């Protein structure tokens, strides 16, 4: 029973991070379209930073095996835009992620260090 709960949490975390990545890619596509309609043509890929190693590997490595059917559309959508150089996905460590204190609990020492 405990093993099943652990797998559910891992899948949920991976799935929610991948859904967030897909939403980010959709927003980038919209912004690039609007900029293009105003005469600003973006030719370089837009960089996205993720802190989940599994998401990074599955989104960028063409040889990675994917077996999560419930988010397969998100997976293929992100991979397609990464392969076409619309986006570039990069791994960022938690210590360098300025949004981590807003998404993860920190003790008072770590929170104080972040504020300074």
N, C-alpha and C. Protein backbone atom coordinates (compact mmCIF):
# COMPACT_ATOMS: atom_id res chain seq x y z
N UNK A 1 0.82 -1.20 0.00
CA UNK A 1 0.00 0.00 0.00
C UNK A 1 0.86 1.26 0.00
N UNK A 2 1.92 1.29 0.76
CA UNK A 2 2.79 2.46 0.82
C UNK A 2 3.47 2.69 -0.52
N UNK A 3 3.89 1.62 -1.20
CA UNK A 3 4.56 1.74 -2.49
C UNK A 3 3.61 2.38 -3.51
N UNK A 4 2.34 1.99 -3.48
CA UNK A 4 1.37 2.55 -4.41
C UNK A 4 1.21 4.06 -4.18
N UNK A 5 1.15 4.49 -2.95
CA UNK A 5 1.02 5.91 -2.66
C UNK A 5 2.25 6.67 -3.15
N UNK A 6 3.43 6.11 -2.95
CA UNK A 6 4.66 6.78 -3.40
C UNK A 6 4.66 6.95 -4.91
N UNK A 7 4.26 5.92 -5.65
CA UNK A 7 4.21 6.02 -7.11
C UNK A 7 3.19 7.07 -7.54
N UNK A 8 2.09 7.18 -6.84
CA UNK A 8 1.08 8.17 -7.18
C UNK A 8 1.61 9.57 -7.01
N UNK A 9 2.34 9.80 -5.96
CA UNK A 9 2.90 11.12 -5.71
C UNK A 9 3.92 11.47 -6.79
N UNK A 10 4.79 10.54 -7.14
CA UNK A 10 5.78 10.80 -8.16
C UNK A 10 5.11 11.11 -9.50
N UNK A 11 4.11 10.34 -9.86
CA UNK A 11 3.39 10.57 -11.10
C UNK A 11 2.69 11.91 -11.08
N UNK A 12 2.07 12.24 -9.96
CA UNK A 12 1.36 13.50 -9.85
C UNK A 12 2.33 14.67 -9.96
N UNK A 13 3.47 14.59 -9.31
CA UNK A 13 4.46 15.66 -9.38
C UNK A 13 4.97 15.81 -10.80
N UNK A 14 5.35 14.72 -11.42
CA UNK A 14 5.84 14.75 -12.79
C UNK A 14 4.76 15.31 -13.72
N UNK A 15 3.55 14.82 -13.56
CA UNK A 15 2.45 15.26 -14.42
C UNK A 15 2.14 16.73 -14.26
N UNK A 16 2.11 17.21 -13.04
CA UNK A 16 1.79 18.62 -12.82
C UNK A 16 2.91 19.52 -13.34
N UNK A 17 4.16 19.10 -13.19
CA UNK A 17 5.28 19.89 -13.72
C UNK A 17 5.26 19.89 -15.25
N UNK A 18 4.90 18.77 -15.85
CA UNK A 18 4.84 18.72 -17.31
C UNK A 18 3.68 19.55 -17.84
N UNK A 19 2.54 19.53 -17.12
CA UNK A 19 1.41 20.37 -17.52
C UNK A 19 1.78 21.85 -17.42
N UNK A 20 2.52 22.22 -16.38
CA UNK A 20 2.97 23.61 -16.23
C UNK A 20 3.93 23.98 -17.36
N UNK A 21 4.81 23.05 -17.74
CA UNK A 21 5.73 23.29 -18.85
C UNK A 21 4.96 23.49 -20.14
N UNK A 22 3.93 22.68 -20.38
CA UNK A 22 3.12 22.82 -21.58
C UNK A 22 2.43 24.18 -21.60
N UNK A 23 1.90 24.61 -20.46
CA UNK A 23 1.25 25.93 -20.38
C UNK A 23 2.25 27.04 -20.68
N UNK A 24 3.47 26.89 -20.18
CA UNK A 24 4.50 27.87 -20.47
C UNK A 24 4.83 27.93 -21.95
N UNK A 25 4.92 26.77 -22.59
CA UNK A 25 5.20 26.71 -24.03
C UNK A 25 4.06 27.37 -24.81
N UNK A 26 2.83 27.11 -24.41
CA UNK A 26 1.69 27.73 -25.08
C UNK A 26 1.76 29.25 -24.98
N UNK A 27 2.12 29.77 -23.80
CA UNK A 27 2.24 31.22 -23.62
C UNK A 27 3.36 31.79 -24.47
N UNK A 28 4.46 31.08 -24.57
CA UNK A 28 5.57 31.52 -25.41
C UNK A 28 5.15 31.60 -26.87
N UNK A 29 4.42 30.60 -27.33
CA UNK A 29 3.95 30.59 -28.72
C UNK A 29 3.04 31.79 -28.98
N UNK A 30 2.13 32.07 -28.04
CA UNK A 30 1.23 33.22 -28.19
C UNK A 30 2.02 34.53 -28.23
N UNK A 31 2.98 34.68 -27.33
CA UNK A 31 3.78 35.91 -27.29
C UNK A 31 4.59 36.08 -28.58
N UNK A 32 5.17 34.99 -29.05
CA UNK A 32 5.95 35.06 -30.29
C UNK A 32 5.05 35.44 -31.47
N UNK A 33 3.83 34.92 -31.49
CA UNK A 33 2.88 35.26 -32.55
C UNK A 33 2.52 36.74 -32.49
N UNK A 34 2.20 37.23 -31.30
CA UNK A 34 1.83 38.65 -31.15
C UNK A 34 2.99 39.56 -31.51
N UNK A 35 4.19 39.21 -31.09
CA UNK A 35 5.36 40.00 -31.46
C UNK A 35 5.55 40.01 -32.97
N UNK A 36 5.38 38.85 -33.59
CA UNK A 36 5.50 38.75 -35.05
C UNK A 36 4.47 39.60 -35.77
N UNK A 37 3.25 39.65 -35.23
CA UNK A 37 2.21 40.46 -35.87
C UNK A 37 2.48 41.96 -35.72
N UNK A 38 3.34 42.33 -34.78
CA UNK A 38 3.73 43.73 -34.62
C UNK A 38 5.05 44.03 -35.33
N UNK A 39 5.59 43.06 -36.05
CA UNK A 39 6.80 43.29 -36.81
C UNK A 39 8.08 42.90 -36.10
N UNK A 40 7.97 42.34 -34.90
CA UNK A 40 9.16 41.89 -34.16
C UNK A 40 9.27 40.38 -34.36
N UNK A 41 10.21 39.95 -35.17
CA UNK A 41 10.34 38.53 -35.46
C UNK A 41 11.41 37.91 -34.56
N UNK A 42 10.98 36.96 -33.77
CA UNK A 42 11.88 36.27 -32.83
C UNK A 42 12.46 35.07 -33.57
N UNK A 43 13.78 35.07 -33.71
CA UNK A 43 14.42 33.98 -34.46
C UNK A 43 15.12 32.99 -33.54
N UNK A 44 15.49 33.42 -32.34
CA UNK A 44 16.16 32.51 -31.40
C UNK A 44 15.14 31.75 -30.58
N UNK A 45 15.54 30.59 -30.09
CA UNK A 45 14.64 29.83 -29.23
C UNK A 45 14.50 30.53 -27.88
N UNK A 46 13.33 30.42 -27.29
CA UNK A 46 13.06 30.99 -25.98
C UNK A 46 13.46 29.99 -24.92
N UNK A 47 14.24 30.41 -23.95
CA UNK A 47 14.76 29.51 -22.92
C UNK A 47 13.74 29.33 -21.80
N UNK A 48 13.54 28.09 -21.39
CA UNK A 48 12.68 27.74 -20.26
C UNK A 48 13.55 26.97 -19.26
N UNK A 49 13.40 27.29 -17.99
CA UNK A 49 14.17 26.62 -16.95
C UNK A 49 13.24 25.77 -16.08
N UNK A 50 13.60 24.50 -15.91
CA UNK A 50 12.82 23.58 -15.08
C UNK A 50 13.72 23.05 -13.96
N UNK A 51 13.13 22.79 -12.80
CA UNK A 51 13.93 22.26 -11.70
C UNK A 51 13.68 20.78 -11.45
N UNK A 52 12.83 20.15 -12.24
CA UNK A 52 12.54 18.73 -12.10
C UNK A 52 13.38 17.98 -13.13
N UNK A 53 14.29 17.16 -12.65
CA UNK A 53 15.21 16.44 -13.54
C UNK A 53 14.47 15.50 -14.48
N UNK A 54 13.42 14.82 -14.02
CA UNK A 54 12.67 13.90 -14.88
C UNK A 54 12.00 14.63 -16.02
N UNK A 55 11.43 15.79 -15.73
CA UNK A 55 10.80 16.58 -16.78
C UNK A 55 11.84 17.04 -17.78
N UNK A 56 12.97 17.49 -17.29
CA UNK A 56 14.05 17.94 -18.17
C UNK A 56 14.50 16.82 -19.11
N UNK A 57 14.75 15.64 -18.57
CA UNK A 57 15.21 14.52 -19.38
C UNK A 57 14.16 14.10 -20.40
N UNK A 58 12.90 13.98 -19.97
CA UNK A 58 11.85 13.54 -20.88
C UNK A 58 11.52 14.57 -21.95
N UNK A 59 11.73 15.84 -21.65
CA UNK A 59 11.40 16.89 -22.62
C UNK A 59 12.53 17.14 -23.62
N UNK A 60 13.76 16.81 -23.26
CA UNK A 60 14.89 17.18 -24.12
C UNK A 60 15.62 16.00 -24.75
N UNK A 61 15.55 14.83 -24.16
CA UNK A 61 16.31 13.69 -24.66
C UNK A 61 15.46 12.87 -25.64
N UNK A 62 15.80 12.86 -26.91
CA UNK A 62 15.00 12.13 -27.90
C UNK A 62 14.94 10.63 -27.66
N UNK A 63 15.89 10.07 -26.92
CA UNK A 63 15.89 8.62 -26.71
C UNK A 63 15.20 8.22 -25.41
N UNK A 64 14.68 9.19 -24.66
CA UNK A 64 14.03 8.83 -23.39
C UNK A 64 12.73 8.07 -23.65
N UNK A 65 12.48 7.10 -22.82
CA UNK A 65 11.26 6.30 -22.93
C UNK A 65 10.17 6.98 -22.11
N UNK A 66 8.98 7.07 -22.67
CA UNK A 66 7.87 7.74 -22.01
C UNK A 66 6.72 6.77 -21.88
N UNK A 67 6.21 6.57 -20.67
CA UNK A 67 5.14 5.60 -20.48
C UNK A 67 4.00 6.16 -19.64
N UNK A 68 3.81 7.44 -19.63
CA UNK A 68 2.74 8.06 -18.86
C UNK A 68 1.66 8.53 -19.84
N UNK A 69 0.69 7.69 -20.07
CA UNK A 69 -0.30 7.94 -21.11
C UNK A 69 -1.20 9.14 -20.82
N UNK A 70 -1.41 9.44 -19.54
CA UNK A 70 -2.35 10.50 -19.20
C UNK A 70 -1.85 11.90 -19.55
N UNK A 71 -0.56 12.07 -19.79
CA UNK A 71 -0.06 13.38 -20.20
C UNK A 71 0.73 13.28 -21.52
N UNK A 72 0.40 12.28 -22.31
CA UNK A 72 1.13 12.06 -23.56
C UNK A 72 1.01 13.24 -24.52
N UNK A 73 -0.16 13.89 -24.58
CA UNK A 73 -0.32 15.03 -25.47
C UNK A 73 0.58 16.19 -25.05
N UNK A 74 0.68 16.43 -23.76
CA UNK A 74 1.58 17.48 -23.26
C UNK A 74 3.01 17.14 -23.63
N UNK A 75 3.37 15.91 -23.43
CA UNK A 75 4.73 15.44 -23.72
C UNK A 75 5.09 15.70 -25.18
N UNK A 76 4.22 15.27 -26.10
CA UNK A 76 4.51 15.41 -27.53
C UNK A 76 4.49 16.87 -27.97
N UNK A 77 3.61 17.67 -27.38
CA UNK A 77 3.53 19.09 -27.69
C UNK A 77 4.83 19.79 -27.31
N UNK A 78 5.32 19.54 -26.11
CA UNK A 78 6.56 20.15 -25.63
C UNK A 78 7.75 19.66 -26.45
N UNK A 79 7.82 18.34 -26.67
CA UNK A 79 8.95 17.78 -27.44
C UNK A 79 9.00 18.33 -28.86
N UNK A 80 7.84 18.49 -29.49
CA UNK A 80 7.79 19.02 -30.86
C UNK A 80 8.38 20.44 -30.92
N UNK A 81 7.99 21.28 -29.97
CA UNK A 81 8.47 22.66 -29.99
C UNK A 81 9.94 22.75 -29.56
N UNK A 82 10.38 21.84 -28.74
CA UNK A 82 11.80 21.79 -28.40
C UNK A 82 12.61 21.34 -29.61
N UNK A 83 12.13 20.34 -30.33
CA UNK A 83 12.84 19.84 -31.51
C UNK A 83 12.89 20.87 -32.64
N UNK A 84 11.87 21.72 -32.72
CA UNK A 84 11.81 22.74 -33.77
C UNK A 84 12.48 24.05 -33.35
N UNK A 85 13.21 24.03 -32.25
CA UNK A 85 13.95 25.20 -31.76
C UNK A 85 13.07 26.42 -31.47
N UNK A 86 11.82 26.18 -31.09
CA UNK A 86 10.97 27.27 -30.62
C UNK A 86 11.34 27.57 -29.17
N UNK A 87 11.61 26.51 -28.41
CA UNK A 87 12.00 26.65 -27.01
C UNK A 87 13.29 25.88 -26.76
N UNK A 88 13.98 26.24 -25.73
CA UNK A 88 15.12 25.50 -25.23
C UNK A 88 14.88 25.23 -23.75
N UNK A 89 14.97 23.99 -23.34
CA UNK A 89 14.68 23.63 -21.95
C UNK A 89 15.99 23.38 -21.23
N UNK A 90 16.15 24.03 -20.09
CA UNK A 90 17.38 23.93 -19.30
C UNK A 90 17.04 23.55 -17.87
N UNK A 91 17.94 22.80 -17.25
CA UNK A 91 17.79 22.43 -15.84
C UNK A 91 18.34 23.56 -14.98
N UNK A 92 17.60 23.89 -13.91
CA UNK A 92 18.07 24.88 -12.94
C UNK A 92 18.05 24.24 -11.56
N UNK A 93 19.11 24.42 -10.80
CA UNK A 93 19.16 23.87 -9.45
C UNK A 93 18.25 24.66 -8.53
N UNK A 94 17.74 23.99 -7.51
CA UNK A 94 16.86 24.65 -6.56
C UNK A 94 17.51 25.85 -5.90
N UNK A 95 18.81 25.77 -5.65
CA UNK A 95 19.48 26.90 -4.98
C UNK A 95 19.54 28.13 -5.87
N UNK A 96 19.43 27.95 -7.19
CA UNK A 96 19.46 29.08 -8.12
C UNK A 96 18.07 29.53 -8.57
N UNK A 97 17.04 28.80 -8.16
CA UNK A 97 15.68 29.09 -8.58
C UNK A 97 15.06 30.12 -7.64
N UNK A 98 14.87 31.34 -8.12
CA UNK A 98 14.38 32.41 -7.25
C UNK A 98 12.92 32.23 -6.86
N UNK A 99 12.18 31.33 -7.52
CA UNK A 99 10.78 31.12 -7.18
C UNK A 99 10.58 29.96 -6.20
N UNK A 100 11.62 29.23 -5.87
CA UNK A 100 11.50 28.10 -4.95
C UNK A 100 10.86 28.46 -3.61
N UNK A 101 11.22 29.57 -2.98
CA UNK A 101 10.59 29.87 -1.69
C UNK A 101 9.07 30.05 -1.77
N UNK A 102 8.55 30.32 -2.95
CA UNK A 102 7.11 30.49 -3.11
C UNK A 102 6.39 29.16 -3.34
N UNK A 103 7.14 28.11 -3.69
CA UNK A 103 6.52 26.82 -3.99
C UNK A 103 6.91 25.72 -3.02
N UNK A 104 7.96 25.93 -2.24
CA UNK A 104 8.43 24.90 -1.33
C UNK A 104 8.63 25.50 0.05
N UNK A 105 8.32 24.69 1.06
CA UNK A 105 8.51 25.15 2.43
C UNK A 105 9.99 25.30 2.76
N UNK A 106 10.34 26.36 3.42
CA UNK A 106 11.72 26.61 3.82
C UNK A 106 11.76 26.84 5.33
N UNK A 107 12.86 26.43 5.96
CA UNK A 107 13.02 26.75 7.37
C UNK A 107 13.42 28.22 7.48
N UNK A 108 13.45 28.76 8.69
CA UNK A 108 13.68 30.19 8.87
C UNK A 108 15.08 30.60 8.40
N UNK A 109 16.07 29.74 8.56
CA UNK A 109 17.43 30.06 8.13
C UNK A 109 17.49 30.18 6.60
N UNK A 110 16.92 29.21 5.90
CA UNK A 110 16.92 29.24 4.43
C UNK A 110 16.10 30.42 3.91
N UNK A 111 14.99 30.71 4.58
CA UNK A 111 14.14 31.83 4.16
C UNK A 111 14.88 33.16 4.36
N UNK A 112 15.56 33.29 5.48
CA UNK A 112 16.35 34.49 5.75
C UNK A 112 17.48 34.68 4.74
N UNK A 113 18.11 33.56 4.37
CA UNK A 113 19.19 33.61 3.38
C UNK A 113 18.64 34.06 2.03
N UNK A 114 17.45 33.57 1.69
CA UNK A 114 16.83 33.97 0.43
C UNK A 114 16.51 35.46 0.42
N UNK A 115 15.98 35.97 1.54
CA UNK A 115 15.63 37.40 1.59
C UNK A 115 16.84 38.31 1.51
N UNK A 116 17.96 37.84 2.07
CA UNK A 116 19.16 38.68 2.01
C UNK A 116 19.81 38.56 0.64
